[in-house]
Amino acid sequence: MRGAPKWIAAYVLVVAAFLALIARYYHPGVGFTALIEFPQSGHDLELPAVRSAPHYDHPDSAGYDGQFYAQIAVAPLLRDPAIDRALDNPPYRAHRILFPWLAWALGAGRPAWILQAAALEDVLIWLGMAWLFARLIPPTSARHFVLWSGCLLPHGMLMCVRYALPDALSFLLIALAVLAVERGRPVLASLITGAAGLARETSVLAAAALLRFVRRPPRSWLIAAGCGLLCVLPLALWLDYLRSIYHAQALTGGDHITPLSGVLWKLSSLGRALSRGAFTAALRDDLAAFVSLTTQGAWLVWHVVKRRAAPPWALVGAAFLLLTLMTHEAVWHGTPGAYTRVAMPLTLGVNVLLAREDSAPWWVIVLANLGIIPGVALMLMFQWR
């Protein structure tokens, strides 16, 4: 790794601290399955193979989405009739199949191993992203340290690790796709984007980076169209397979798009909380994440207008900024809410672009990465019971 020794040490220290936090989730007999967030109240609804495998059921939790993807990993072709009882919304959860497939492969098809793989898959992805972004944002200065940390420690990223969610895999694949675009390899970028669509269906929006290859000659449009097809083909084929199981229900999820209703709701919610005058930890996290998103969006627009150019990271960031603003109110519920995951490609793109912008002021860098506050707070909350 190239860089100044003291900043290399700072990067390594962040990785070591992250692994120390993960170690807190280990428990003899159940391994790291506390990260999946199985609720004790839902034990009887779990797949029989999951019930019989050692895992941790949280006594005081309603559970979280990772429990569904871990169970899909045990039955990755969705043919087990018991899967419909185990999942809250089987056709919708089944869209994001790449994460369960990888957990199944890493666990060699054995339920107990699969659950451990599902719990730790995002930890491995996080480590991969730490290495990749250390190359994109090398350890050469305090600015780079903050920006690199802002790619790895914000709420959207650590929420995936804490709850074993499939989104982190899509973030890594999107980053690799943009890197392929920057290196002038549109077909490779399209294949990676297609894989990202199987991790999270909205990841196909990363195909916006391919606009870099569009030129005046008609041939460039044909190439772009072919690459666009490669981006959506894997997801289209998988949805067709799901349609053979769930019929019309296989295409559920479009009702999550309601332009501006979610962000307006969040603004109203923050306004009410601030007017009450009690600055709680929940309000701190909520406010930090929202200010972070607002700063990222505003800076990206300013950057594109000022430069009169949109590099691949800006194209991807703009696509996911628009998606975030269009998400349903339910995505914004919570402190801060799931919108931080939706916006993660924006966060990554803005931090990479800030690292390449020597004139970017410190206040922008800090405000754009306030999402680190709720991210780290989330990882520190867990306690064994």
Protein backbone atom coordinates (compact mmCIF):
# COMPACT_ATOMS: atom_id res chain seq x y z
CA MET A 1 0.00 0.00 0.00
CA ARG A 2 1.49 3.33 -1.00
CA GLY A 3 1.21 6.25 1.41
CA ALA A 4 2.69 7.92 4.46
CA PRO A 5 3.56 5.46 7.28
CA LYS A 6 1.47 7.28 9.90
CA TRP A 7 -1.62 7.24 7.68
CA ILE A 8 -1.07 3.61 6.71
CA ALA A 9 -1.04 2.92 10.44
CA ALA A 10 -4.29 4.90 10.85
CA TYR A 11 -5.99 2.83 8.13
CA VAL A 12 -4.78 -0.40 9.76
CA LEU A 13 -6.03 0.83 13.14
CA VAL A 14 -9.54 1.35 11.72
CA VAL A 15 -9.53 -2.20 10.32
CA ALA A 16 -8.31 -3.57 13.66
CA ALA A 17 -11.01 -1.64 15.56
CA PHE A 18 -13.65 -2.95 13.17
CA LEU A 19 -12.54 -6.55 13.69
CA ALA A 20 -12.53 -5.98 17.46
CA LEU A 21 -16.15 -4.81 17.26
CA ILE A 22 -17.06 -7.88 15.22
CA ALA A 23 -15.39 -10.12 17.80
CA ARG A 24 -17.92 -8.89 20.37
CA TYR A 25 -20.62 -10.73 18.43
CA TYR A 26 -18.98 -14.14 18.80
CA HIS A 27 -20.40 -16.59 21.29
CA PRO A 28 -19.34 -20.20 21.85
CA GLY A 29 -21.81 -22.63 20.38
CA VAL A 30 -23.53 -20.18 18.03
CA GLY A 31 -20.53 -18.43 16.50
CA PHE A 32 -21.31 -15.07 14.90
CA THR A 33 -25.00 -15.73 14.16
CA ALA A 34 -26.04 -12.88 16.47
CA LEU A 35 -25.27 -10.65 13.48
CA ILE A 36 -28.19 -12.17 11.57
CA GLU A 37 -30.75 -10.96 14.13
CA PHE A 38 -33.03 -13.98 14.36
CA PRO A 39 -35.84 -13.12 16.83
CA GLN A 40 -36.68 -15.58 19.55
CA SER A 41 -40.37 -14.95 18.91
CA GLY A 42 -39.99 -16.23 15.33
CA HIS A 43 -38.11 -19.44 16.13
CA ASP A 44 -41.07 -21.70 15.32
CA LEU A 45 -41.43 -20.08 11.90
CA GLU A 46 -37.85 -20.78 10.83
CA LEU A 47 -36.99 -23.42 8.28
CA PRO A 48 -36.62 -26.82 10.01
CA ALA A 49 -32.97 -27.00 8.86
CA VAL A 50 -32.34 -23.57 10.40
CA ARG A 51 -34.13 -24.41 13.66
CA SER A 52 -31.91 -27.45 14.12
CA ALA A 53 -28.68 -25.58 13.31
CA PRO A 54 -26.89 -23.74 16.16
CA HIS A 55 -27.72 -20.03 16.01
CA TYR A 56 -28.57 -17.14 18.30
CA ASP A 57 -32.20 -16.06 18.70
CA HIS A 58 -32.44 -12.53 20.11
CA PRO A 59 -34.83 -12.50 23.08
CA ASP A 60 -35.67 -8.78 22.93
CA SER A 61 -35.77 -8.20 19.18
CA ALA A 62 -38.44 -8.31 16.51
CA GLY A 63 -35.71 -9.47 14.11
CA TYR A 64 -34.39 -7.89 10.96
CA ASP A 65 -34.17 -8.63 7.26
CA GLY A 66 -30.94 -10.61 7.47
CA GLN A 67 -32.87 -13.54 8.97
CA PHE A 68 -34.76 -13.95 5.68
CA TYR A 69 -31.71 -13.91 3.42
CA ALA A 70 -29.91 -16.39 5.70
CA GLN A 71 -32.86 -18.77 5.38
CA ILE A 72 -32.97 -18.34 1.61
CA ALA A 73 -29.30 -19.37 1.63
CA VAL A 74 -30.30 -22.70 3.16
CA ALA A 75 -32.85 -23.25 0.35
CA PRO A 76 -31.36 -21.10 -2.47
CA LEU A 77 -33.65 -22.34 -5.25
CA LEU A 78 -36.79 -21.45 -3.24
CA ARG A 79 -38.32 -24.88 -3.88
CA ASP A 80 -38.74 -25.87 -0.23
CA PRO A 81 -42.45 -25.29 0.60
CA ALA A 82 -41.47 -24.27 4.15
CA ILE A 83 -39.67 -21.17 2.83
CA ASP A 84 -42.93 -19.31 2.30
CA ARG A 85 -43.73 -19.62 5.99
CA ALA A 86 -40.23 -18.57 7.02
CA LEU A 87 -40.11 -15.33 5.01
CA ASP A 88 -42.21 -12.20 5.48
CA ASN A 89 -42.49 -11.56 1.72
CA PRO A 90 -40.97 -14.48 -0.23
CA PRO A 91 -41.24 -13.08 -3.80
CA TYR A 92 -39.67 -9.77 -2.78
CA ARG A 93 -36.89 -11.23 -0.61
CA ALA A 94 -36.00 -13.71 -3.34
CA HIS A 95 -34.99 -10.88 -5.71
CA ARG A 96 -31.67 -10.44 -3.86
CA ILE A 97 -30.33 -13.90 -4.45
CA LEU A 98 -26.58 -13.39 -4.95
CA PHE A 99 -25.87 -12.94 -1.23
CA PRO A 100 -27.70 -16.20 -0.30
CA TRP A 101 -26.00 -18.06 -3.14
CA LEU A 102 -22.58 -17.01 -1.89
CA ALA A 103 -23.47 -17.97 1.69
CA TRP A 104 -24.64 -21.39 0.44
CA ALA A 105 -21.40 -21.87 -1.50
CA LEU A 106 -19.19 -20.70 1.39
CA GLY A 107 -21.11 -22.99 3.73
CA ALA A 108 -20.73 -25.98 1.37
CA GLY A 109 -24.50 -26.54 1.49
CA ARG A 110 -24.49 -27.41 5.21
CA PRO A 111 -27.06 -25.36 7.20
CA ALA A 112 -24.87 -24.73 10.26
CA TRP A 113 -21.98 -23.54 8.07
CA ILE A 114 -24.30 -21.54 5.83
CA LEU A 115 -25.58 -19.53 8.81
CA GLN A 116 -22.02 -18.71 9.85
CA ALA A 117 -21.19 -17.74 6.26
CA ALA A 118 -24.27 -15.52 6.04
CA ALA A 119 -23.29 -13.82 9.31
CA LEU A 120 -19.71 -13.14 8.21
CA GLU A 121 -20.15 -12.53 4.48
CA ASP A 122 -20.51 -8.78 4.95
CA VAL A 123 -17.42 -8.74 7.19
CA LEU A 124 -15.40 -10.20 4.32
CA ILE A 125 -16.99 -7.72 1.91
CA TRP A 126 -16.12 -4.86 4.26
CA LEU A 127 -12.50 -5.99 4.34
CA GLY A 128 -12.50 -6.18 0.53
CA MET A 129 -13.87 -2.65 0.33
CA ALA A 130 -11.27 -1.43 2.83
CA TRP A 131 -8.54 -2.70 0.51
CA LEU A 132 -10.19 -1.43 -2.69
CA PHE A 133 -10.88 2.07 -1.37
CA ALA A 134 -7.39 2.27 0.11
CA ARG A 135 -6.24 2.08 -3.53
CA LEU A 136 -8.79 4.66 -4.67
CA ILE A 137 -8.17 6.92 -1.65
CA PRO A 138 -4.59 6.12 -0.59
CA PRO A 139 -3.36 6.83 2.97
CA THR A 140 -1.48 10.03 2.25
CA SER A 141 -3.20 12.70 4.38
CA ALA A 142 -5.80 13.47 7.04
CA ARG A 143 -8.27 14.38 4.28
CA HIS A 144 -7.88 10.96 2.70
CA PHE A 145 -8.20 9.23 6.06
CA VAL A 146 -11.57 10.89 6.72
CA LEU A 147 -12.82 10.18 3.18
CA TRP A 148 -11.68 6.55 3.26
CA SER A 149 -13.31 6.09 6.67
CA GLY A 150 -16.45 7.71 5.25
CA CYS A 151 -16.70 4.89 2.70
CA LEU A 152 -16.43 2.16 5.34
CA LEU A 153 -17.97 3.42 8.58
CA PRO A 154 -21.21 5.23 7.63
CA HIS A 155 -24.53 3.94 8.85
CA GLY A 156 -25.50 2.46 5.47
CA MET A 157 -22.41 0.26 5.32
CA LEU A 158 -22.27 -0.81 8.96
CA MET A 159 -26.00 -1.50 8.99
CA CYS A 160 -25.33 -4.19 6.37
CA VAL A 161 -22.57 -5.72 8.49
CA ARG A 162 -24.57 -5.54 11.72
CA TYR A 163 -27.67 -7.19 10.26
CA ALA A 164 -26.11 -9.47 7.58
CA LEU A 165 -27.86 -7.69 4.71
CA PRO A 166 -27.21 -8.26 0.97
CA ASP A 167 -26.71 -4.59 0.11
CA ALA A 168 -22.98 -4.49 0.97
CA LEU A 169 -22.26 -6.99 -1.79
CA SER A 170 -23.94 -4.67 -4.28
CA PHE A 171 -21.81 -1.73 -3.03
CA LEU A 172 -18.60 -3.66 -3.67
CA LEU A 173 -19.75 -4.76 -7.12
CA ILE A 174 -20.84 -1.22 -8.05
CA ALA A 175 -17.40 0.08 -7.05
CA LEU A 176 -15.74 -2.60 -9.20
CA ALA A 177 -18.05 -1.75 -12.11
CA VAL A 178 -17.17 1.95 -11.93
CA LEU A 179 -13.49 1.04 -11.76
CA ALA A 180 -13.94 -1.02 -14.95
CA VAL A 181 -15.63 1.95 -16.65
CA GLU A 182 -12.77 4.25 -15.63
CA ARG A 183 -10.36 1.76 -17.20
CA GLY A 184 -12.31 1.75 -20.45
CA ARG A 185 -13.79 -1.76 -20.17
CA PRO A 186 -17.55 -1.40 -20.81
CA VAL A 187 -18.34 -5.11 -21.24
CA LEU A 188 -16.64 -6.06 -17.96
CA ALA A 189 -18.43 -3.17 -16.23
CA SER A 190 -21.76 -4.39 -17.60
CA LEU A 191 -21.20 -7.96 -16.43
CA ILE A 192 -20.30 -6.75 -12.93
CA THR A 193 -23.34 -4.44 -12.85
CA GLY A 194 -25.51 -7.40 -13.89
CA ALA A 195 -24.16 -9.37 -10.94
CA ALA A 196 -24.82 -6.38 -8.64
CA GLY A 197 -28.45 -6.43 -9.79
CA LEU A 198 -28.75 -9.93 -8.33
CA ALA A 199 -27.46 -8.61 -4.99
CA ARG A 200 -29.91 -5.69 -4.94
CA GLU A 201 -32.17 -5.02 -7.92
CA THR A 202 -31.75 -1.23 -7.83
CA SER A 203 -28.02 -1.73 -8.40
CA VAL A 204 -28.67 -1.86 -12.14
CA LEU A 205 -28.84 1.95 -11.89
CA ALA A 206 -25.04 1.81 -11.80
CA ALA A 207 -25.35 1.29 -15.56
CA ALA A 208 -25.50 5.11 -15.64
CA ALA A 209 -21.69 5.02 -15.56
CA LEU A 210 -21.77 3.52 -19.07
CA LEU A 211 -22.94 6.89 -20.42
CA ARG A 212 -19.24 7.72 -20.46
CA PHE A 213 -18.94 5.58 -23.60
CA VAL A 214 -21.75 7.28 -25.53
CA ARG A 215 -20.43 9.43 -28.37
CA ARG A 216 -21.88 10.93 -31.55
CA PRO A 217 -21.20 7.93 -33.85
CA PRO A 218 -24.19 5.53 -33.91
CA ARG A 219 -21.85 2.63 -33.15
CA SER A 220 -21.28 3.98 -29.65
CA TRP A 221 -25.03 3.97 -29.03
CA LEU A 222 -25.26 0.35 -30.18
CA ILE A 223 -22.42 -0.62 -27.84
CA ALA A 224 -24.09 1.23 -24.96
CA ALA A 225 -27.40 -0.49 -25.69
CA GLY A 226 -25.73 -3.90 -25.74
CA CYS A 227 -23.96 -3.18 -22.48
CA GLY A 228 -27.23 -1.98 -20.96
CA LEU A 229 -28.80 -5.30 -21.91
CA LEU A 230 -25.98 -7.17 -20.16
CA CYS A 231 -26.67 -5.10 -17.04
CA VAL A 232 -30.31 -6.14 -16.75
CA LEU A 233 -30.20 -9.64 -18.26
CA PRO A 234 -29.15 -11.61 -15.12
CA LEU A 235 -31.89 -9.99 -13.03
CA ALA A 236 -34.46 -10.48 -15.82
CA LEU A 237 -33.62 -14.19 -16.07
CA TRP A 238 -33.82 -14.63 -12.30
CA LEU A 239 -37.15 -12.81 -12.12
CA ASP A 240 -38.45 -15.08 -14.87
CA TYR A 241 -37.42 -18.07 -12.75
CA LEU A 242 -39.19 -16.56 -9.74
CA ARG A 243 -42.29 -16.01 -11.85
CA SER A 244 -42.42 -19.78 -12.40
CA ILE A 245 -42.72 -20.13 -8.61
CA TYR A 246 -44.62 -17.02 -7.48
CA HIS A 247 -46.34 -15.98 -10.74
CA ALA A 248 -47.29 -12.27 -10.83
CA GLN A 249 -46.08 -11.76 -7.26
CA ALA A 250 -42.47 -12.15 -8.45
CA LEU A 251 -42.45 -8.50 -9.56
CA THR A 252 -43.47 -6.99 -6.20
CA GLY A 253 -41.55 -4.02 -4.80
CA GLY A 254 -42.48 -1.18 -7.15
CA ASP A 255 -44.68 0.40 -4.48
CA HIS A 256 -41.50 1.50 -2.66
CA ILE A 257 -41.16 4.36 -5.17
CA THR A 258 -43.07 7.51 -4.15
CA PRO A 259 -41.22 10.69 -5.24
CA LEU A 260 -40.18 13.01 -2.37
CA SER A 261 -42.71 11.68 0.12
CA GLY A 262 -40.02 9.99 2.21
CA VAL A 263 -37.57 12.88 2.39
CA LEU A 264 -40.38 15.32 3.19
CA TRP A 265 -41.58 13.03 5.95
CA LYS A 266 -38.06 12.86 7.39
CA LEU A 267 -37.74 16.65 7.31
CA SER A 268 -41.02 16.98 9.16
CA SER A 269 -39.97 14.33 11.69
CA LEU A 270 -36.66 16.06 12.36
CA GLY A 271 -38.39 19.42 12.72
CA ARG A 272 -40.79 18.04 15.32
CA ALA A 273 -37.96 16.37 17.25
CA LEU A 274 -35.85 19.54 17.28
CA SER A 275 -38.81 21.65 18.40
CA ARG A 276 -39.20 19.48 21.50
CA GLY A 277 -35.74 20.65 22.60
CA ALA A 278 -34.42 17.30 23.88
CA PHE A 279 -31.25 16.35 22.00
CA THR A 280 -31.20 12.57 22.41
CA ALA A 281 -28.77 10.02 20.96
CA ALA A 282 -31.47 8.97 18.50
CA LEU A 283 -31.94 12.54 17.30
CA ARG A 284 -28.16 12.94 17.02
CA ASP A 285 -27.94 9.90 14.75
CA ASP A 286 -30.97 10.92 12.73
CA LEU A 287 -29.70 14.45 12.20
CA ALA A 288 -26.12 13.37 11.39
CA ALA A 289 -27.27 10.96 8.68
CA PHE A 290 -29.63 13.48 7.11
CA VAL A 291 -27.05 16.29 7.08
CA SER A 292 -24.57 13.86 5.57
CA LEU A 293 -26.95 12.91 2.74
CA THR A 294 -27.92 16.56 2.11
CA THR A 295 -24.28 17.63 1.91
CA GLN A 296 -23.39 14.77 -0.43
CA GLY A 297 -26.26 15.56 -2.78
CA ALA A 298 -25.63 19.30 -2.82
CA TRP A 299 -21.89 18.92 -3.35
CA LEU A 300 -22.37 16.42 -6.18
CA VAL A 301 -24.72 18.77 -8.05
CA TRP A 302 -22.31 21.68 -7.48
CA HIS A 303 -19.36 19.58 -8.65
CA VAL A 304 -21.03 18.53 -11.91
CA VAL A 305 -22.26 22.05 -12.68
CA LYS A 306 -18.88 23.62 -11.90
CA ARG A 307 -16.90 21.07 -13.90
CA ARG A 308 -19.47 20.82 -16.70
CA ALA A 309 -18.64 17.14 -16.77
CA ALA A 310 -19.92 14.03 -15.07
CA PRO A 311 -17.27 11.36 -14.45
CA PRO A 312 -18.48 7.76 -13.85
CA TRP A 313 -18.66 8.16 -10.05
CA ALA A 314 -20.76 11.31 -10.49
CA LEU A 315 -23.14 9.53 -12.88
CA VAL A 316 -23.62 6.69 -10.41
CA GLY A 317 -23.96 9.07 -7.48
CA ALA A 318 -26.60 11.12 -9.31
CA ALA A 319 -28.59 7.98 -10.17
CA PHE A 320 -28.70 6.87 -6.53
CA LEU A 321 -29.40 10.38 -5.26
CA LEU A 322 -32.53 10.42 -7.43
CA LEU A 323 -33.46 6.92 -6.26
CA THR A 324 -33.08 7.94 -2.60
CA LEU A 325 -35.30 10.99 -3.09
CA MET A 326 -37.96 8.79 -4.68
CA THR A 327 -38.12 6.10 -2.00
CA HIS A 328 -41.22 5.48 0.07
CA GLU A 329 -41.70 6.98 3.52
CA ALA A 330 -41.17 3.53 5.07
CA VAL A 331 -37.54 3.58 3.91
CA TRP A 332 -36.98 6.79 5.94
CA HIS A 333 -38.55 5.49 9.17
CA GLY A 334 -36.22 4.82 12.06
CA THR A 335 -33.14 6.57 13.40
CA PRO A 336 -31.82 7.15 10.87
CA GLY A 337 -33.58 4.61 8.61
CA ALA A 338 -32.87 2.32 5.66
CA TYR A 339 -32.37 5.23 3.25
CA THR A 340 -28.71 5.33 4.29
CA ARG A 341 -28.27 1.97 2.53
CA VAL A 342 -30.09 3.14 -0.57
CA ALA A 343 -27.77 6.16 -0.76
CA MET A 344 -24.49 4.27 -0.16
CA PRO A 345 -23.34 4.39 -3.82
CA LEU A 346 -23.80 8.18 -3.61
CA THR A 347 -21.68 8.23 -0.44
CA LEU A 348 -18.92 6.19 -2.09
CA GLY A 349 -18.95 8.29 -5.24
CA VAL A 350 -18.85 11.63 -3.44
CA ASN A 351 -15.96 10.54 -1.22
CA VAL A 352 -13.91 9.31 -4.18
CA LEU A 353 -14.57 12.56 -6.05
CA LEU A 354 -13.72 14.64 -2.95
CA ALA A 355 -10.43 12.77 -2.70
CA ARG A 356 -9.66 13.87 -6.26
CA GLU A 357 -10.70 17.47 -5.58
CA ASP A 358 -7.78 19.14 -3.81
CA SER A 359 -9.73 22.37 -3.34
CA ALA A 360 -12.66 20.77 -1.50
CA PRO A 361 -13.06 22.55 1.87
CA TRP A 362 -12.81 20.66 5.13
CA TRP A 363 -16.33 21.60 6.20
CA VAL A 364 -17.75 19.76 3.16
CA ILE A 365 -15.64 16.68 3.90
CA VAL A 366 -16.76 16.61 7.55
CA LEU A 367 -20.46 17.25 6.93
CA ALA A 368 -20.57 14.72 4.07
CA ASN A 369 -19.28 12.04 6.46
CA LEU A 370 -21.30 12.67 9.58
CA GLY A 371 -22.98 9.35 8.80
CA ILE A 372 -20.02 7.74 10.57
CA ILE A 373 -21.59 8.78 13.89
CA PRO A 374 -24.76 6.64 13.66
CA GLY A 375 -22.75 3.88 11.96
CA VAL A 376 -20.29 3.39 14.79
CA ALA A 377 -23.05 3.89 17.39
CA LEU A 378 -25.00 1.04 15.78
CA MET A 379 -22.08 -1.38 16.06
CA LEU A 380 -21.53 -0.49 19.72
CA MET A 381 -25.12 -1.14 20.78
CA PHE A 382 -25.11 -4.96 20.89
CA GLN A 383 -25.02 -6.73 24.26
CA TRP A 384 -25.38 -10.45 24.93
CA ARG A 385 -28.45 -11.49 26.88
